[in-house]
C-alpha atoms as a PDB file:
ATOM      1  CA  MET A   1     142.158  56.255  73.264  1.00  0.00           C
ATOM      2  CA  GLN A   2     139.922  53.466  74.910  1.00  0.00           C
ATOM      3  CA  ALA A   3     137.515  54.212  77.672  1.00  0.00           C
ATOM      4  CA  ALA A   4     135.120  51.853  79.535  1.00  0.00           C
ATOM      5  CA  ARG A   5     131.693  53.374  79.910  1.00  0.00           C
ATOM      6  CA  LEU A   6     128.724  52.253  82.032  1.00  0.00           C
ATOM      7  CA  ALA A   7     125.440  52.760  80.219  1.00  0.00           C
ATOM      8  CA  GLY A   8     123.150  50.951  82.515  1.00  0.00           C
ATOM      9  CA  ALA A   9     123.200  48.151  85.134  1.00  0.00           C
ATOM     10  CA  GLY A  10     125.743  45.787  83.909  1.00  0.00           C
ATOM     11  CA  GLN A  11     126.095  47.392  80.659  1.00  0.00           C
ATOM     12  CA  LEU A  12     129.936  48.183  80.652  1.00  0.00           C
ATOM     13  CA  ARG A  13     131.404  48.733  76.976  1.00  0.00           C
ATOM     14  CA  LEU A  14     134.839  49.892  75.708  1.00  0.00           C
ATOM     15  CA  HIS A  15     134.716  52.879  73.253  1.00  0.00           C
ATOM     16  CA  ASP A  16     137.385  54.329  71.255  1.00  0.00           C
ATOM     17  CA  GLU A  17     137.306  58.237  72.045  1.00  0.00           C
ATOM     18  CA  GLU A  18     139.211  61.376  71.521  1.00  0.00           C
ATOM     19  CA  PRO A  19     141.700  61.968  74.235  1.00  0.00           C
ATOM     20  CA  PRO A  20     140.769  64.534  76.720  1.00  0.00           C
ATOM     21  CA  VAL A  21     142.485  68.058  76.458  1.00  0.00           C
ATOM     22  CA  PRO A  22     143.543  69.434  79.958  1.00  0.00           C
ATOM     23  CA  GLY A  23     142.252  72.753  80.971  1.00  0.00           C
ATOM     24  CA  PRO A  24     143.677  75.416  82.899  1.00  0.00           C
ATOM     25  CA  GLY A  25     145.244  74.023  86.170  1.00  0.00           C
ATOM     26  CA  GLU A  26     145.078  70.485  84.937  1.00  0.00           C
ATOM     27  CA  SER A  27     147.433  67.646  83.885  1.00  0.00           C
ATOM     28  CA  LEU A  28     147.103  64.898  81.579  1.00  0.00           C
ATOM     29  CA  VAL A  29     147.504  61.523  83.239  1.00  0.00           C
ATOM     30  CA  ARG A  30     148.148  58.406  81.330  1.00  0.00           C
ATOM     31  CA  VAL A  31     146.301  55.847  83.624  1.00  0.00           C
ATOM     32  CA  GLY A  32     148.298  52.990  84.775  1.00  0.00           C
ATOM     33  CA  ALA A  33     146.043  51.200  87.107  1.00  0.00           C
ATOM     34  CA  VAL A  34     142.503  51.328  88.644  1.00  0.00           C
ATOM     35  CA  GLY A  35     141.208  49.668  91.774  1.00  0.00           C
ATOM     36  CA  LEU A  36     137.707  48.545  91.796  1.00  0.00           C
ATOM     37  CA  CYS A  37     135.687  49.548  94.870  1.00  0.00           C
ATOM     38  CA  GLY A  38     132.396  48.610  96.458  1.00  0.00           C
ATOM     39  CA  SER A  39     130.929  51.886  95.250  1.00  0.00           C
ATOM     40  CA  ASP A  40     131.953  50.863  91.720  1.00  0.00           C
ATOM     41  CA  LEU A  41     130.057  47.746  92.259  1.00  0.00           C
ATOM     42  CA  HIS A  42     126.916  49.607  93.155  1.00  0.00           C
ATOM     43  CA  TRP A  43     127.142  51.597  89.994  1.00  0.00           C
ATOM     44  CA  TRP A  44     127.848  48.468  87.840  1.00  0.00           C
ATOM     45  CA  GLY A  45     125.189  46.213  89.599  1.00  0.00           C
ATOM     46  CA  GLU A  46     122.355  48.794  90.159  1.00  0.00           C
ATOM     47  CA  GLY A  47     123.035  51.728  87.837  1.00  0.00           C
ATOM     48  CA  GLY A  48     123.636  54.054  90.618  1.00  0.00           C
ATOM     49  CA  ILE A  49     124.587  54.475  94.296  1.00  0.00           C
ATOM     50  CA  GLY A  50     122.790  55.870  97.132  1.00  0.00           C
ATOM     51  CA  ASP A  51     120.464  58.773  95.560  1.00  0.00           C
ATOM     52  CA  ALA A  52     122.838  59.115  92.442  1.00  0.00           C
ATOM     53  CA  ARG A  53     121.825  57.555  89.278  1.00  0.00           C
ATOM     54  CA  LEU A  54     123.192  57.263  85.891  1.00  0.00           C
ATOM     55  CA  THR A  55     122.361  60.200  83.727  1.00  0.00           C
ATOM     56  CA  ARG A  56     124.621  59.333  80.660  1.00  0.00           C
ATOM     57  CA  PRO A  57     127.163  56.661  80.071  1.00  0.00           C
ATOM     58  CA  LEU A  58     129.936  57.161  82.800  1.00  0.00           C
ATOM     59  CA  VAL A  59     133.393  56.083  83.034  1.00  0.00           C
ATOM     60  CA  LEU A  60     133.801  54.487  86.460  1.00  0.00           C
ATOM     61  CA  GLY A  61     136.918  54.146  88.582  1.00  0.00           C
ATOM     62  CA  HIS A  62     138.139  56.527  91.431  1.00  0.00           C
ATOM     63  CA  GLU A  63     141.046  54.473  92.853  1.00  0.00           C
ATOM     64  CA  VAL A  64     143.401  55.662  90.179  1.00  0.00           C
ATOM     65  CA  ALA A  65     147.231  55.868  89.716  1.00  0.00           C
ATOM     66  CA  GLY A  66     149.352  56.811  86.455  1.00  0.00           C
ATOM     67  CA  VAL A  67     152.021  58.796  85.020  1.00  0.00           C
ATOM     68  CA  VAL A  68     151.867  62.531  84.130  1.00  0.00           C
ATOM     69  CA  GLU A  69     152.421  63.407  80.295  1.00  0.00           C
ATOM     70  CA  GLY A  70     153.346  67.045  80.164  1.00  0.00           C
ATOM     71  CA  GLY A  71     153.219  70.195  82.290  1.00  0.00           C
ATOM     72  CA  PRO A  72     154.966  70.679  85.588  1.00  0.00           C
ATOM     73  CA  LEU A  73     154.911  66.994  86.752  1.00  0.00           C
ATOM     74  CA  ASP A  74     155.744  65.447  83.301  1.00  0.00           C
ATOM     75  CA  GLY A  75     156.910  61.923  83.897  1.00  0.00           C
ATOM     76  CA  THR A  76     155.934  61.766  87.430  1.00  0.00           C
ATOM     77  CA  ALA A  77     153.990  58.677  88.924  1.00  0.00           C
ATOM     78  CA  VAL A  78     150.981  59.998  90.698  1.00  0.00           C
ATOM     79  CA  ALA A  79     148.055  58.924  92.665  1.00  0.00           C
ATOM     80  CA  VAL A  80     144.939  60.718  91.754  1.00  0.00           C
ATOM     81  CA  ASP A  81     142.875  62.298  94.463  1.00  0.00           C
ATOM     82  CA  PRO A  82     139.344  61.586  93.030  1.00  0.00           C
ATOM     83  CA  ALA A  83     137.611  64.449  94.736  1.00  0.00           C
ATOM     84  CA  VAL A  84     137.724  68.130  93.532  1.00  0.00           C
ATOM     85  CA  PRO A  85     135.862  70.193  96.022  1.00  0.00           C
ATOM     86  CA  CYS A  86     134.697  73.626  95.003  1.00  0.00           C
ATOM     87  CA  GLU A  87     137.079  75.311  97.844  1.00  0.00           C
ATOM     88  CA  GLN A  88     134.334  78.177  97.999  1.00  0.00           C
ATOM     89  CA  CYS A  89     131.532  76.997  99.833  1.00  0.00           C
ATOM     90  CA  PRO A  90     131.271  77.509 103.936  1.00  0.00           C
ATOM     91  CA  VAL A  91     131.751  73.751 104.264  1.00  0.00           C
ATOM     92  CA  CYS A  92     135.184  73.799 102.381  1.00  0.00           C
ATOM     93  CA  ARG A  93     136.191  77.121 104.118  1.00  0.00           C
ATOM     94  CA  THR A  94     135.770  75.261 107.559  1.00  0.00           C
ATOM     95  CA  GLY A  95     137.941  72.515 106.403  1.00  0.00           C
ATOM     96  CA  HIS A  96     135.334  69.818 105.677  1.00  0.00           C
ATOM     97  CA  ARG A  97     136.311  69.416 101.862  1.00  0.00           C
ATOM     98  CA  ASN A  98     135.110  65.687 101.865  1.00  0.00           C
ATOM     99  CA  LEU A  99     131.528  67.030 102.732  1.00  0.00           C
ATOM    100  CA  CYS A 100     131.665  69.599  99.887  1.00  0.00           C
ATOM    101  CA  PRO A 101     128.133  69.793  98.373  1.00  0.00           C
ATOM    102  CA  ASP A 102     129.484  70.674  95.104  1.00  0.00           C
ATOM    103  CA  VAL A 103     132.331  68.307  94.906  1.00  0.00           C
ATOM    104  CA  ARG A 104     133.081  66.580  91.657  1.00  0.00           C
ATOM    105  CA  PHE A 105     134.158  62.976  92.092  1.00  0.00           C
ATOM    106  CA  ALA A 106     135.683  60.655  89.617  1.00  0.00           C
ATOM    107  CA  GLY A 107     133.581  57.968  88.361  1.00  0.00           C
ATOM    108  CA  HIS A 108     130.427  59.506  90.024  1.00  0.00           C
ATOM    109  CA  GLY A 109     127.468  61.696  88.585  1.00  0.00           C
ATOM    110  CA  SER A 110     128.576  63.609  85.577  1.00  0.00           C
ATOM    111  CA  THR A 111     132.393  63.091  86.192  1.00  0.00           C
ATOM    112  CA  ASP A 112     134.102  60.511  84.376  1.00  0.00           C
ATOM    113  CA  GLY A 113     136.792  58.280  86.149  1.00  0.00           C
ATOM    114  CA  GLY A 114     139.828  56.295  85.646  1.00  0.00           C
ATOM    115  CA  LEU A 115     138.829  53.434  83.450  1.00  0.00           C
ATOM    116  CA  GLN A 116     140.219  55.302  80.487  1.00  0.00           C
ATOM    117  CA  GLU A 117     143.559  55.428  79.020  1.00  0.00           C
ATOM    118  CA  LEU A 118     143.964  59.138  79.518  1.00  0.00           C
ATOM    119  CA  LEU A 119     142.566  61.397  82.198  1.00  0.00           C
ATOM    120  CA  ALA A 120     142.551  65.072  82.426  1.00  0.00           C
ATOM    121  CA  TRP A 121     142.654  66.096  86.220  1.00  0.00           C
ATOM    122  CA  PRO A 122     143.431  69.044  88.315  1.00  0.00           C
ATOM    123  CA  THR A 123     147.195  69.292  89.056  1.00  0.00           C
ATOM    124  CA  ALA A 124     146.593  70.271  92.663  1.00  0.00           C
ATOM    125  CA  ARG A 125     144.775  66.825  93.174  1.00  0.00           C
ATOM    126  CA  LEU A 126     147.557  64.603  92.106  1.00  0.00           C
ATOM    127  CA  HIS A 127     150.063  63.209  94.517  1.00  0.00           C
ATOM    128  CA  PRO A 128     153.610  62.331  93.404  1.00  0.00           C
ATOM    129  CA  LEU A 129     154.468  58.725  94.570  1.00  0.00           C
ATOM    130  CA  PRO A 130     157.706  57.684  96.017  1.00  0.00           C
ATOM    131  CA  ALA A 131     159.739  54.766  94.419  1.00  0.00           C
ATOM    132  CA  GLU A 132     158.548  52.406  97.119  1.00  0.00           C
ATOM    133  CA  ILE A 133     154.989  52.494  95.818  1.00  0.00           C
ATOM    134  CA  GLY A 134     154.108  51.009  92.520  1.00  0.00           C
ATOM    135  CA  LEU A 135     150.977  51.801  90.551  1.00  0.00           C
ATOM    136  CA  ALA A 136     149.039  48.915  91.414  1.00  0.00           C
ATOM    137  CA  GLY A 137     149.516  49.366  95.188  1.00  0.00           C
ATOM    138  CA  ALA A 138     148.954  53.194  94.752  1.00  0.00           C
ATOM    139  CA  THR A 139     145.373  52.351  93.865  1.00  0.00           C
ATOM    140  CA  VAL A 140     144.781  51.197  97.398  1.00  0.00           C
ATOM    141  CA  LEU A 141     145.877  54.765  98.582  1.00  0.00           C
ATOM    142  CA  GLU A 142     142.146  55.805  98.239  1.00  0.00           C
ATOM    143  CA  PRO A 143     140.608  53.232 100.258  1.00  0.00           C
ATOM    144  CA  LEU A 144     143.435  53.561 102.750  1.00  0.00           C
ATOM    145  CA  GLY A 145     142.646  57.437 102.908  1.00  0.00           C
ATOM    146  CA  VAL A 146     138.824  56.417 103.622  1.00  0.00           C
ATOM    147  CA  ALA A 147     140.070  54.121 106.431  1.00  0.00           C
ATOM    148  CA  LEU A 148     142.285  56.876 107.856  1.00  0.00           C
ATOM    149  CA  HIS A 149     139.257  59.223 107.895  1.00  0.00           C
ATOM    150  CA  ALA A 150     137.287  56.522 109.671  1.00  0.00           C
ATOM    151  CA  MET A 151     140.088  55.898 112.381  1.00  0.00           C
ATOM    152  CA  ASP A 152     140.046  59.705 112.780  1.00  0.00           C
ATOM    153  CA  LEU A 153     136.360  59.598 113.563  1.00  0.00           C
ATOM    154  CA  ALA A 154     136.861  56.412 115.679  1.00  0.00           C
ATOM    155  CA  HIS A 155     138.942  58.107 118.594  1.00  0.00           C
ATOM    156  CA  VAL A 156     140.731  54.786 119.225  1.00  0.00           C
ATOM    157  CA  ARG A 157     142.709  55.142 122.546  1.00  0.00           C
ATOM    158  CA  LEU A 158     145.786  53.267 123.470  1.00  0.00           C
ATOM    159  CA  GLY A 159     144.875  49.793 124.719  1.00  0.00           C
ATOM    160  CA  ALA A 160     141.336  49.947 123.450  1.00  0.00           C
ATOM    161  CA  SER A 161     139.462  47.140 121.997  1.00  0.00           C
ATOM    162  CA  VAL A 162     138.283  47.444 118.458  1.00  0.00           C
ATOM    163  CA  THR A 163     136.111  45.224 116.253  1.00  0.00           C
ATOM    164  CA  VAL A 164     136.051  45.555 112.524  1.00  0.00           C
ATOM    165  CA  VAL A 165     132.778  44.195 111.036  1.00  0.00           C
ATOM    166  CA  GLY A 166     133.622  43.403 107.296  1.00  0.00           C
ATOM    167  CA  CYS A 167     137.076  42.461 105.858  1.00  0.00           C
ATOM    168  CA  GLY A 168     137.037  43.792 102.346  1.00  0.00           C
ATOM    169  CA  PRO A 169     140.149  45.940 101.628  1.00  0.00           C
ATOM    170  CA  ILE A 170     139.025  49.051 103.590  1.00  0.00           C
ATOM    171  CA  GLY A 171     138.255  46.656 106.678  1.00  0.00           C
ATOM    172  CA  LEU A 172     141.713  45.031 106.309  1.00  0.00           C
ATOM    173  CA  LEU A 173     143.230  48.247 106.241  1.00  0.00           C
ATOM    174  CA  LEU A 174     141.409  49.269 109.247  1.00  0.00           C
ATOM    175  CA  VAL A 175     142.730  46.229 111.091  1.00  0.00           C
ATOM    176  CA  GLN A 176     146.223  47.403 110.172  1.00  0.00           C
ATOM    177  CA  LEU A 177     145.573  50.950 111.286  1.00  0.00           C
ATOM    178  CA  ALA A 178     143.961  49.787 114.717  1.00  0.00           C
ATOM    179  CA  ARG A 179     147.060  47.889 115.486  1.00  0.00           C
ATOM    180  CA  LEU A 180     149.140  50.883 114.557  1.00  0.00           C
ATOM    181  CA  ALA A 181     147.148  53.006 116.719  1.00  0.00           C
ATOM    182  CA  GLY A 182     147.828  50.955 119.822  1.00  0.00           C
ATOM    183  CA  ALA A 183     144.622  49.072 120.196  1.00  0.00           C
ATOM    184  CA  GLY A 184     144.787  46.520 122.839  1.00  0.00           C
ATOM    185  CA  SER A 185     142.717  43.965 120.874  1.00  0.00           C
ATOM    186  CA  VAL A 186     141.543  43.887 117.354  1.00  0.00           C
ATOM    187  CA  VAL A 187     138.734  41.417 116.343  1.00  0.00           C
ATOM    188  CA  ALA A 188     137.600  40.902 112.736  1.00  0.00           C
ATOM    189  CA  VAL A 189     134.033  39.808 111.705  1.00  0.00           C
ATOM    190  CA  GLU A 190     133.651  38.328 108.289  1.00  0.00           C
ATOM    191  CA  PRO A 191     131.719  35.621 106.747  1.00  0.00           C
ATOM    192  CA  LEU A 192     134.196  34.606 103.924  1.00  0.00           C
ATOM    193  CA  ALA A 193     136.901  32.447 105.353  1.00  0.00           C
ATOM    194  CA  HIS A 194     139.802  33.692 102.921  1.00  0.00           C
ATOM    195  CA  ARG A 195     139.085  37.196 104.300  1.00  0.00           C
ATOM    196  CA  ARG A 196     139.099  36.050 107.959  1.00  0.00           C
ATOM    197  CA  GLN A 197     142.549  34.658 107.219  1.00  0.00           C
ATOM    198  CA  ALA A 198     143.567  37.911 105.724  1.00  0.00           C
ATOM    199  CA  ALA A 199     142.525  39.706 108.658  1.00  0.00           C
ATOM    200  CA  LEU A 200     144.640  37.532 110.904  1.00  0.00           C
ATOM    201  CA  ASP A 201     147.499  38.234 108.541  1.00  0.00           C
ATOM    202  CA  ALA A 202     146.903  41.878 108.707  1.00  0.00           C
ATOM    203  CA  GLY A 203     147.254  41.857 112.619  1.00  0.00           C
ATOM    204  CA  ALA A 204     143.910  40.785 114.093  1.00  0.00           C
ATOM    205  CA  ASP A 205     143.923  38.880 117.264  1.00  0.00           C
ATOM    206  CA  ALA A 206     140.804  36.867 116.339  1.00  0.00           C
ATOM    207  CA  ALA A 207     138.638  36.425 113.277  1.00  0.00           C
ATOM    208  CA  HIS A 208     134.812  35.344 113.662  1.00  0.00           C
ATOM    209  CA  THR A 209     131.930  34.815 111.309  1.00  0.00           C
ATOM    210  CA  PRO A 210     128.771  36.815 112.317  1.00  0.00           C
ATOM    211  CA  ALA A 211     127.348  33.650 113.510  1.00  0.00           C
ATOM    212  CA  ASP A 212     130.352  33.072 115.898  1.00  0.00           C
ATOM    213  CA  LEU A 213     129.285  36.353 117.700  1.00  0.00           C
ATOM    214  CA  VAL A 214     125.647  35.324 117.912  1.00  0.00           C
ATOM    215  CA  ALA A 215     127.040  32.058 119.364  1.00  0.00           C
ATOM    216  CA  THR A 216     129.071  33.698 121.930  1.00  0.00           C
ATOM    217  CA  GLY A 217     125.963  35.630 123.416  1.00  0.00           C
ATOM    218  CA  VAL A 218     127.534  39.148 122.830  1.00  0.00           C
ATOM    219  CA  PHE A 219     124.098  40.573 122.264  1.00  0.00           C
ATOM    220  CA  THR A 220     122.780  39.897 125.758  1.00  0.00           C
ATOM    221  CA  ALA A 221     125.305  38.137 127.856  1.00  0.00           C
ATOM    222  CA  PRO A 222     127.614  39.928 130.104  1.00  0.00           C
ATOM    223  CA  ASP A 223     130.483  37.595 129.396  1.00  0.00           C
ATOM    224  CA  ALA A 224     133.459  38.499 127.506  1.00  0.00           C
ATOM    225  CA  VAL A 225     133.427  37.779 123.530  1.00  0.00           C
ATOM    226  CA  PRO A 226     136.480  35.737 122.680  1.00  0.00           C
ATOM    227  CA  GLY A 227     139.362  37.943 121.821  1.00  0.00           C
ATOM    228  CA  LEU A 228     137.617  41.084 123.023  1.00  0.00           C
ATOM    229  CA  GLY A 229     138.586  41.050 126.695  1.00  0.00           C
ATOM    230  CA  SER A 230     135.393  42.825 127.672  1.00  0.00           C
ATOM    231  CA  PRO A 231     131.604  42.630 127.152  1.00  0.00           C
ATOM    232  CA  GLY A 232     131.779  44.538 123.793  1.00  0.00           C
ATOM    233  CA  ALA A 233     134.178  46.593 122.061  1.00  0.00           C
ATOM    234  CA  ASP A 234     135.177  50.088 122.820  1.00  0.00           C
ATOM    235  CA  VAL A 235     135.080  51.085 119.170  1.00  0.00           C
ATOM    236  CA  VAL A 236     133.326  49.070 116.284  1.00  0.00           C
ATOM    237  CA  LEU A 237     133.964  49.924 112.667  1.00  0.00           C
ATOM    238  CA  GLU A 238     131.243  48.696 110.291  1.00  0.00           C
ATOM    239  CA  VAL A 239     132.442  48.354 106.529  1.00  0.00           C
ATOM    240  CA  VAL A 240     129.753  46.391 104.934  1.00  0.00           C
ATOM    241  CA  GLY A 241     126.595  48.597 104.628  1.00  0.00           C
ATOM    242  CA  SER A 242     123.986  45.904 105.176  1.00  0.00           C
ATOM    243  CA  ARG A 243     121.473  46.067 108.050  1.00  0.00           C
ATOM    244  CA  GLY A 244     122.647  42.806 109.474  1.00  0.00           C
ATOM    245  CA  ALA A 245     126.112  44.343 109.695  1.00  0.00           C
ATOM    246  CA  VAL A 246     125.031  47.716 111.303  1.00  0.00           C
ATOM    247  CA  GLU A 247     122.906  45.724 113.777  1.00  0.00           C
ATOM    248  CA  LEU A 248     125.807  43.438 114.487  1.00  0.00           C
ATOM    249  CA  ALA A 249     128.176  46.516 115.107  1.00  0.00           C
ATOM    250  CA  VAL A 250     125.420  48.342 117.410  1.00  0.00           C
ATOM    251  CA  ARG A 251     125.094  45.071 119.348  1.00  0.00           C
ATOM    252  CA  SER A 252     128.858  44.390 119.694  1.00  0.00           C
ATOM    253  CA  ALA A 253     129.759  47.639 121.062  1.00  0.00           C
ATOM    254  CA  ARG A 254     130.226  48.255 124.775  1.00  0.00           C
ATOM    255  CA  PRO A 255     128.016  50.480 126.744  1.00  0.00           C
ATOM    256  CA  GLY A 256     129.313  54.057 126.205  1.00  0.00           C
ATOM    257  CA  GLY A 257     131.096  52.912 123.063  1.00  0.00           C
ATOM    258  CA  ARG A 258     131.380  54.390 119.730  1.00  0.00           C
ATOM    259  CA  VAL A 259     130.305  52.853 116.222  1.00  0.00           C
ATOM    260  CA  VAL A 260     131.688  54.207 112.865  1.00  0.00           C
ATOM    261  CA  LEU A 261     129.641  53.409 109.893  1.00  0.00           C
ATOM    262  CA  VAL A 262     131.957  53.118 106.696  1.00  0.00           C
ATOM    263  CA  GLY A 263     129.683  50.874 104.600  1.00  0.00           C
ATOM    264  CA  ILE A 264     127.201  52.057 101.938  1.00  0.00           C
ATOM    265  CA  PRO A 265     123.976  50.322 101.921  1.00  0.00           C
ATOM    266  CA  ASP A 266     122.218  48.980  98.751  1.00  0.00           C
ATOM    267  CA  ASP A 267     118.972  50.660  99.239  1.00  0.00           C
ATOM    268  CA  ASP A 268     120.156  53.918 100.698  1.00  0.00           C
ATOM    269  CA  ARG A 269     118.729  53.026 104.035  1.00  0.00           C
ATOM    270  CA  THR A 270     120.469  51.887 107.373  1.00  0.00           C
ATOM    271  CA  ALA A 271     118.671  50.693 110.377  1.00  0.00           C
ATOM    272  CA  PHE A 272     119.638  49.524 113.622  1.00  0.00           C
ATOM    273  CA  PRO A 273     117.802  48.511 117.070  1.00  0.00           C
ATOM    274  CA  ALA A 274     117.263  51.884 118.646  1.00  0.00           C
ATOM    275  CA  SER A 275     116.580  50.514 122.085  1.00  0.00           C
ATOM    276  CA  VAL A 276     120.079  48.725 122.099  1.00  0.00           C
ATOM    277  CA  ALA A 277     121.892  51.752 121.031  1.00  0.00           C
ATOM    278  CA  ARG A 278     120.068  54.163 123.324  1.00  0.00           C
ATOM    279  CA  ARG A 279     120.342  51.892 126.182  1.00  0.00           C
ATOM    280  CA  LYS A 280     124.159  51.588 125.735  1.00  0.00           C
ATOM    281  CA  GLY A 281     124.429  55.321 125.123  1.00  0.00           C
ATOM    282  CA  LEU A 282     126.500  54.826 122.069  1.00  0.00           C
ATOM    283  CA  THR A 283     128.130  57.456 119.885  1.00  0.00           C
ATOM    284  CA  LEU A 284     127.454  56.782 116.155  1.00  0.00           C
ATOM    285  CA  ALA A 285     129.842  58.471 113.454  1.00  0.00           C
ATOM    286  CA  VAL A 286     129.142  58.273 109.768  1.00  0.00           C
ATOM    287  CA  VAL A 287     131.969  58.320 107.261  1.00  0.00           C
ATOM    288  CA  ARG A 288     131.932  60.357 103.996  1.00  0.00           C
ATOM    289  CA  ARG A 289     134.883  59.516 101.807  1.00  0.00           C
ATOM    290  CA  MET A 290     137.939  61.253 103.325  1.00  0.00           C
ATOM    291  CA  GLY A 291     139.555  64.529 104.285  1.00  0.00           C
ATOM    292  CA  GLU A 292     142.994  65.572 103.042  1.00  0.00           C
ATOM    293  CA  VAL A 293     144.621  62.566 104.041  1.00  0.00           C
ATOM    294  CA  TYR A 294     146.661  61.552 100.917  1.00  0.00           C
ATOM    295  CA  PRO A 295     150.062  62.586 102.202  1.00  0.00           C
ATOM    296  CA  ARG A 296     149.482  60.745 105.350  1.00  0.00           C
ATOM    297  CA  ALA A 297     148.457  57.499 103.484  1.00  0.00           C
ATOM    298  CA  ILE A 298     151.672  57.698 101.264  1.00  0.00           C
ATOM    299  CA  ASP A 299     153.862  58.245 104.253  1.00  0.00           C
ATOM    300  CA  LEU A 300     152.378  55.135 105.994  1.00  0.00           C
ATOM    301  CA  VAL A 301     153.140  53.072 102.900  1.00  0.00           C
ATOM    302  CA  ARG A 302     156.479  54.506 102.079  1.00  0.00           C
ATOM    303  CA  ARG A 303     157.729  53.847 105.548  1.00  0.00           C
ATOM    304  CA  GLY A 304     156.457  50.163 105.415  1.00  0.00           C
ATOM    305  CA  LEU A 305     153.729  50.769 108.344  1.00  0.00           C
ATOM    306  CA  VAL A 306     150.818  49.719 106.064  1.00  0.00           C
ATOM    307  CA  ASP A 307     150.935  47.009 103.495  1.00  0.00           C
ATOM    308  CA  VAL A 308     148.728  47.637 100.407  1.00  0.00           C
ATOM    309  CA  ASP A 309     150.575  45.186  97.911  1.00  0.00           C
ATOM    310  CA  ALA A 310     149.028  42.273  99.877  1.00  0.00           C
ATOM    311  CA  LEU A 311     145.426  43.487  99.101  1.00  0.00           C
ATOM    312  CA  VAL A 312     145.892  43.204  95.412  1.00  0.00           C
ATOM    313  CA  THR A 313     144.835  39.745  94.374  1.00  0.00           C
ATOM    314  CA  GLY A 314     143.465  40.400  90.895  1.00  0.00           C
ATOM    315  CA  ARG A 315     144.907  42.041  87.857  1.00  0.00           C
ATOM    316  CA  TYR A 316     143.027  42.505  84.671  1.00  0.00           C
ATOM    317  CA  PRO A 317     143.878  44.437  81.436  1.00  0.00           C
ATOM    318  CA  LEU A 318     141.206  47.048  80.353  1.00  0.00           C
ATOM    319  CA  HIS A 319     139.768  44.898  77.601  1.00  0.00           C
ATOM    320  CA  GLU A 320     138.765  42.207  80.345  1.00  0.00           C
ATOM    321  CA  VAL A 321     137.128  44.995  82.383  1.00  0.00           C
ATOM    322  CA  GLY A 322     133.779  42.987  82.544  1.00  0.00           C
ATOM    323  CA  SER A 323     135.769  40.143  83.930  1.00  0.00           C
ATOM    324  CA  ALA A 324     137.275  42.338  86.396  1.00  0.00           C
ATOM    325  CA  PHE A 325     134.047  43.500  87.769  1.00  0.00           C
ATOM    326  CA  ALA A 326     132.663  40.071  87.777  1.00  0.00           C
ATOM    327  CA  ALA A 327     135.679  38.843  89.717  1.00  0.00           C
ATOM    328  CA  ALA A 328     135.213  41.966  92.184  1.00  0.00           C
ATOM    329  CA  ALA A 329     131.554  41.215  92.784  1.00  0.00           C
ATOM    330  CA  ALA A 330     132.202  37.464  93.244  1.00  0.00           C
ATOM    331  CA  ARG A 331     134.603  38.529  96.243  1.00  0.00           C
ATOM    332  CA  THR A 332     136.582  35.529  95.845  1.00  0.00           C
ATOM    333  CA  GLY A 333     139.992  37.667  96.494  1.00  0.00           C
ATOM    334  CA  LEU A 334     140.574  41.066  97.918  1.00  0.00           C
ATOM    335  CA  LYS A 335     141.392  43.953  95.632  1.00  0.00           C
ATOM    336  CA  VAL A 336     140.844  43.716  91.800  1.00  0.00           C
ATOM    337  CA  VAL A 337     142.850  46.169  89.874  1.00  0.00           C
ATOM    338  CA  VAL A 338     142.395  47.082  86.137  1.00  0.00           C
ATOM    339  CA  GLU A 339     145.861  47.688  84.402  1.00  0.00           C
ATOM    340  CA  VAL A 340     144.749  50.189  82.050  1.00  0.00           C
ATOM    341  CA  SER A 341     148.202  51.108  80.555  1.00  0.00           C
ATOM    342  CA  SER A 342     151.022  48.752  80.476  1.00  0.00           C
END
């Protein structure tokens, strides 16, 4: 079989390898599609993410869907939950499996991910797909899970004002979820014009560049920001990771508001004006992947309440995986998917 391995920053090469052999409790998945995520771009561009660095050539990819070969799910199309918590530690036993310190995660550390033709994975972490969800769309279930977890932390009340800073795929999913949650207004902040338009298509009431918000005087003036209806949002979801985006999120929240940090910074550092956050009495929440939300994500898509297919704007075969990463890094579209097996 073929597998794409990252040996160093920008060093992504195809290799012919022996197929994996499923162990006890595992199934063999013929990978159909893998979505490229911002965290994959960190690995590809920097040779690591946060405090994790490459220790050996790694198969990237954690937004994975495919078809099971053999075993109890033989022939079943599945979405792969990329996180395998230990289930034994106090963190897991208290229900916070996404925070497990011993979690194995596809395409991270020493655990190979989905950019290979066959993947052996715990059967319990495979989620059968309904007929309404194709393999390419199913790759968006993982970022939808992250967005659902972020919304759980956001505590959006009916009629609340919500601002989403950063309109990549997760930000666009958050726009959809905020609208589903009954937000009174949803404002998107994004420098790229095509992503601002995508946010409007996803249900945002308004879409601004970061400079637009500065021009409105949201940082200091008591006047309402266009589209917000109040001097700051009840909830701000930041999905970029840059210091500028985090500062904008803090400054855009109303006094007593809530800021949810979803983005991952390049240099493993996050900073914001403490005096602003303190004087506003803000509550800050930080997102770590997701909880056990795959069934919820699948149900939302199956029922047509969340559109994942519209986010897939680029498809590449496995032998063009380098071009796929370059396209994802250029951010000329939305979600780039590598179609591993046809």
